[in-house]
C-alpha atoms as a PDB file:
ATOM      1  CA  MET A   1     -81.782 -12.818 -50.046  1.00  0.00           C
ATOM      2  CA  SER A   2     -81.960 -16.351 -48.652  1.00  0.00           C
ATOM      3  CA  PHE A   3     -81.041 -19.875 -49.735  1.00  0.00           C
ATOM      4  CA  LEU A   4     -82.591 -23.190 -48.735  1.00  0.00           C
ATOM      5  CA  LYS A   5     -80.846 -26.523 -49.193  1.00  0.00           C
ATOM      6  CA  LYS A   6     -81.732 -30.034 -48.103  1.00  0.00           C
ATOM      7  CA  ILE A   7     -79.008 -32.560 -47.378  1.00  0.00           C
ATOM      8  CA  SER A   8     -79.253 -36.269 -46.637  1.00  0.00           C
ATOM      9  CA  VAL A   9     -77.713 -37.898 -43.585  1.00  0.00           C
ATOM     10  CA  THR A  10     -77.375 -41.667 -43.266  1.00  0.00           C
ATOM     11  CA  THR A  11     -76.917 -43.097 -39.790  1.00  0.00           C
ATOM     12  CA  HIS A  12     -75.668 -46.561 -38.920  1.00  0.00           C
ATOM     13  CA  SER A  13     -76.589 -46.964 -35.230  1.00  0.00           C
ATOM     14  CA  LYS A  14     -79.634 -46.518 -33.020  1.00  0.00           C
ATOM     15  CA  GLN A  15     -77.969 -43.501 -31.430  1.00  0.00           C
ATOM     16  CA  GLU A  16     -75.239 -41.586 -33.208  1.00  0.00           C
ATOM     17  CA  PHE A  17     -73.773 -38.102 -33.611  1.00  0.00           C
ATOM     18  CA  VAL A  18     -72.828 -37.181 -37.186  1.00  0.00           C
ATOM     19  CA  MET A  19     -70.629 -34.100 -37.685  1.00  0.00           C
ATOM     20  CA  LEU A  20     -72.115 -31.731 -40.301  1.00  0.00           C
ATOM     21  CA  ASP A  21     -69.328 -29.124 -40.543  1.00  0.00           C
ATOM     22  CA  ARG A  22     -68.129 -30.151 -44.015  1.00  0.00           C
ATOM     23  CA  GLU A  23     -71.634 -30.061 -45.493  1.00  0.00           C
ATOM     24  CA  LEU A  24     -72.531 -26.758 -43.809  1.00  0.00           C
ATOM     25  CA  ASN A  25     -69.342 -25.055 -44.980  1.00  0.00           C
ATOM     26  CA  GLU A  26     -69.883 -26.379 -48.507  1.00  0.00           C
ATOM     27  CA  GLU A  27     -73.424 -24.972 -48.626  1.00  0.00           C
ATOM     28  CA  LEU A  28     -72.178 -21.649 -47.245  1.00  0.00           C
ATOM     29  CA  ARG A  29     -69.469 -21.426 -49.939  1.00  0.00           C
ATOM     30  CA  GLU A  30     -72.001 -22.256 -52.667  1.00  0.00           C
ATOM     31  CA  SER A  31     -74.386 -19.564 -51.408  1.00  0.00           C
ATOM     32  CA  GLY A  32     -71.755 -16.833 -51.626  1.00  0.00           C
ATOM     33  CA  VAL A  33     -73.171 -15.211 -48.487  1.00  0.00           C
ATOM     34  CA  GLU A  34     -70.571 -13.205 -46.555  1.00  0.00           C
ATOM     35  CA  GLU A  35     -72.716 -11.903 -43.675  1.00  0.00           C
ATOM     36  CA  GLY A  36     -75.889 -13.357 -42.192  1.00  0.00           C
ATOM     37  CA  MET A  37     -77.302 -16.376 -40.403  1.00  0.00           C
ATOM     38  CA  MET A  38     -77.506 -20.096 -41.031  1.00  0.00           C
ATOM     39  CA  LEU A  39     -80.352 -22.132 -39.590  1.00  0.00           C
ATOM     40  CA  VAL A  40     -79.773 -25.899 -39.442  1.00  0.00           C
ATOM     41  CA  TYR A  41     -83.084 -27.710 -38.961  1.00  0.00           C
ATOM     42  CA  CYS A  42     -84.027 -31.368 -38.476  1.00  0.00           C
ATOM     43  CA  PRO A  43     -87.623 -32.280 -39.464  1.00  0.00           C
ATOM     44  CA  HIS A  44     -87.635 -35.573 -37.532  1.00  0.00           C
ATOM     45  CA  THR A  45     -89.163 -36.306 -34.115  1.00  0.00           C
ATOM     46  CA  THR A  46     -86.497 -38.817 -33.052  1.00  0.00           C
ATOM     47  CA  ALA A  47     -83.429 -36.831 -34.098  1.00  0.00           C
ATOM     48  CA  GLY A  48     -82.001 -33.383 -33.530  1.00  0.00           C
ATOM     49  CA  ILE A  49     -79.254 -30.849 -34.129  1.00  0.00           C
ATOM     50  CA  THR A  50     -76.678 -29.871 -31.517  1.00  0.00           C
ATOM     51  CA  ILE A  51     -73.386 -28.047 -31.133  1.00  0.00           C
ATOM     52  CA  ASN A  52     -70.683 -29.692 -29.059  1.00  0.00           C
ATOM     53  CA  GLU A  53     -66.970 -30.459 -28.813  1.00  0.00           C
ATOM     54  CA  ASN A  54     -65.113 -31.774 -31.853  1.00  0.00           C
ATOM     55  CA  ALA A  55     -61.620 -32.354 -30.430  1.00  0.00           C
ATOM     56  CA  ASP A  56     -62.144 -35.313 -28.107  1.00  0.00           C
ATOM     57  CA  PRO A  57     -64.491 -38.063 -29.397  1.00  0.00           C
ATOM     58  CA  ASP A  58     -64.956 -39.214 -25.801  1.00  0.00           C
ATOM     59  CA  VAL A  59     -67.285 -36.230 -25.307  1.00  0.00           C
ATOM     60  CA  ARG A  60     -69.712 -37.776 -27.813  1.00  0.00           C
ATOM     61  CA  VAL A  61     -69.340 -41.163 -26.118  1.00  0.00           C
ATOM     62  CA  ASP A  62     -70.141 -39.606 -22.735  1.00  0.00           C
ATOM     63  CA  LEU A  63     -73.075 -37.659 -24.187  1.00  0.00           C
ATOM     64  CA  ASP A  64     -74.398 -40.878 -25.708  1.00  0.00           C
ATOM     65  CA  LYS A  65     -74.132 -42.721 -22.380  1.00  0.00           C
ATOM     66  CA  ALA A  66     -75.668 -39.874 -20.374  1.00  0.00           C
ATOM     67  CA  LEU A  67     -78.650 -39.580 -22.727  1.00  0.00           C
ATOM     68  CA  ASN A  68     -79.243 -43.334 -22.491  1.00  0.00           C
ATOM     69  CA  ASP A  69     -78.988 -43.214 -18.686  1.00  0.00           C
ATOM     70  CA  THR A  70     -81.335 -40.232 -18.480  1.00  0.00           C
ATOM     71  CA  PHE A  71     -83.850 -41.529 -21.024  1.00  0.00           C
ATOM     72  CA  PRO A  72     -83.904 -45.331 -21.026  1.00  0.00           C
ATOM     73  CA  ASN A  73     -86.512 -47.011 -23.212  1.00  0.00           C
ATOM     74  CA  HIS A  74     -88.760 -48.420 -20.486  1.00  0.00           C
ATOM     75  CA  ASP A  75     -91.073 -51.386 -21.102  1.00  0.00           C
ATOM     76  CA  TYR A  76     -93.957 -49.412 -19.600  1.00  0.00           C
ATOM     77  CA  PHE A  77     -93.916 -46.719 -22.329  1.00  0.00           C
ATOM     78  CA  VAL A  78     -97.120 -46.948 -24.363  1.00  0.00           C
ATOM     79  CA  HIS A  79     -96.005 -45.481 -27.719  1.00  0.00           C
ATOM     80  CA  GLY A  80     -96.471 -48.363 -30.159  1.00  0.00           C
ATOM     81  CA  GLU A  81     -93.316 -47.824 -32.218  1.00  0.00           C
ATOM     82  CA  GLY A  82     -91.052 -48.548 -29.241  1.00  0.00           C
ATOM     83  CA  ASN A  83     -88.962 -45.404 -29.690  1.00  0.00           C
ATOM     84  CA  SER A  84     -90.252 -43.188 -26.881  1.00  0.00           C
ATOM     85  CA  ASP A  85     -86.691 -42.659 -25.645  1.00  0.00           C
ATOM     86  CA  GLY A  86     -85.810 -41.173 -29.041  1.00  0.00           C
ATOM     87  CA  HIS A  87     -88.683 -38.704 -28.828  1.00  0.00           C
ATOM     88  CA  MET A  88     -87.561 -37.572 -25.375  1.00  0.00           C
ATOM     89  CA  LYS A  89     -83.921 -37.187 -26.412  1.00  0.00           C
ATOM     90  CA  SER A  90     -84.976 -35.221 -29.494  1.00  0.00           C
ATOM     91  CA  SER A  91     -87.045 -32.857 -27.345  1.00  0.00           C
ATOM     92  CA  VAL A  92     -84.107 -32.194 -25.033  1.00  0.00           C
ATOM     93  CA  ILE A  93     -81.473 -31.762 -27.773  1.00  0.00           C
ATOM     94  CA  GLY A  94     -83.772 -29.710 -30.011  1.00  0.00           C
ATOM     95  CA  ALA A  95     -84.573 -29.605 -33.703  1.00  0.00           C
ATOM     96  CA  SER A  96     -82.332 -26.724 -34.794  1.00  0.00           C
ATOM     97  CA  GLU A  97     -79.307 -24.522 -34.270  1.00  0.00           C
ATOM     98  CA  THR A  98     -78.711 -20.996 -35.560  1.00  0.00           C
ATOM     99  CA  LEU A  99     -75.199 -19.929 -36.558  1.00  0.00           C
ATOM    100  CA  ILE A 100     -73.713 -16.519 -37.335  1.00  0.00           C
ATOM    101  CA  ILE A 101     -72.010 -15.978 -40.694  1.00  0.00           C
ATOM    102  CA  GLU A 102     -69.236 -13.377 -40.649  1.00  0.00           C
ATOM    103  CA  LYS A 103     -66.791 -12.720 -43.511  1.00  0.00           C
ATOM    104  CA  GLY A 104     -68.008 -15.836 -45.308  1.00  0.00           C
ATOM    105  CA  GLN A 105     -67.296 -18.090 -42.309  1.00  0.00           C
ATOM    106  CA  LEU A 106     -69.454 -19.766 -39.676  1.00  0.00           C
ATOM    107  CA  ILE A 107     -68.687 -18.469 -36.216  1.00  0.00           C
ATOM    108  CA  LEU A 108     -68.061 -21.451 -33.956  1.00  0.00           C
ATOM    109  CA  GLY A 109     -65.852 -21.827 -30.913  1.00  0.00           C
ATOM    110  CA  THR A 110     -62.401 -23.363 -31.311  1.00  0.00           C
ATOM    111  CA  TRP A 111     -63.602 -26.819 -30.281  1.00  0.00           C
ATOM    112  CA  GLN A 112     -67.203 -26.618 -31.546  1.00  0.00           C
ATOM    113  CA  SER A 113     -68.867 -28.546 -34.359  1.00  0.00           C
ATOM    114  CA  VAL A 114     -72.465 -29.002 -35.464  1.00  0.00           C
ATOM    115  CA  TYR A 115     -73.880 -32.518 -35.151  1.00  0.00           C
ATOM    116  CA  PHE A 116     -76.919 -34.355 -36.418  1.00  0.00           C
ATOM    117  CA  ALA A 117     -78.109 -36.408 -33.420  1.00  0.00           C
ATOM    118  CA  GLU A 118     -79.791 -39.714 -34.308  1.00  0.00           C
ATOM    119  CA  PHE A 119     -81.954 -41.384 -31.654  1.00  0.00           C
ATOM    120  CA  ASP A 120     -83.873 -44.007 -33.666  1.00  0.00           C
ATOM    121  CA  GLY A 121     -81.510 -45.336 -36.301  1.00  0.00           C
ATOM    122  CA  PRO A 122     -80.146 -46.556 -38.441  1.00  0.00           C
ATOM    123  CA  ARG A 123     -82.015 -44.372 -40.926  1.00  0.00           C
ATOM    124  CA  HIS A 124     -81.806 -42.088 -43.932  1.00  0.00           C
ATOM    125  CA  ARG A 125     -82.622 -38.586 -42.708  1.00  0.00           C
ATOM    126  CA  GLN A 126     -82.932 -35.057 -44.074  1.00  0.00           C
ATOM    127  CA  VAL A 127     -81.525 -31.803 -42.739  1.00  0.00           C
ATOM    128  CA  TYR A 128     -82.539 -28.365 -43.990  1.00  0.00           C
ATOM    129  CA  ILE A 129     -80.031 -25.535 -44.192  1.00  0.00           C
ATOM    130  CA  LYS A 130     -81.442 -22.007 -44.490  1.00  0.00           C
ATOM    131  CA  ILE A 131     -78.900 -19.281 -45.188  1.00  0.00           C
ATOM    132  CA  ILE A 132     -80.127 -15.728 -44.735  1.00  0.00           C
ATOM    133  CA  GLU A 133     -78.023 -12.873 -46.027  1.00  0.00           C
ATOM    134  CA  GLY A 134     -77.914  -9.659 -44.096  1.00  0.00           C
END
C-alpha cells in the first residue's frame, strides 16, 4: 500500500532553507505506516530537497553563502528568466530524498532534518510526499 500527499511551502527570500520535519511527521502519522519508505520530491527546477544539520542555524547560513559563492548569477548567462544560478543549485542539491520508516518513525541522524531548498524565491511551491508501506 502507498500514500501520496502534496503540501505547500511558501518561501520569503530568493534563497532559503525551510525545515519540513513537522509536515513529514504529520503525514507519516496520518498514513498509519509503521515500516516502509518515504520519498520527498520537489517538482521545481529552481528548488530542491536536502538533509542537513538542524541544531546550529549557522550551518544553513554557511550553506547559503557557499552555494552563492559557487554559483553566482553571472551577467553572461543567457537564460532569459535571470535565474540560471537557481537551476544550477537545484541540480547540485537534487529534487528528492528517500527516508526509511521504522516503527512508525522516520530514521534520521540526531542532528538531521529535511529541508526544502528555495533558489528562486520568494514563491509558493509544492512538495510531494510518497509513503510506501513494506
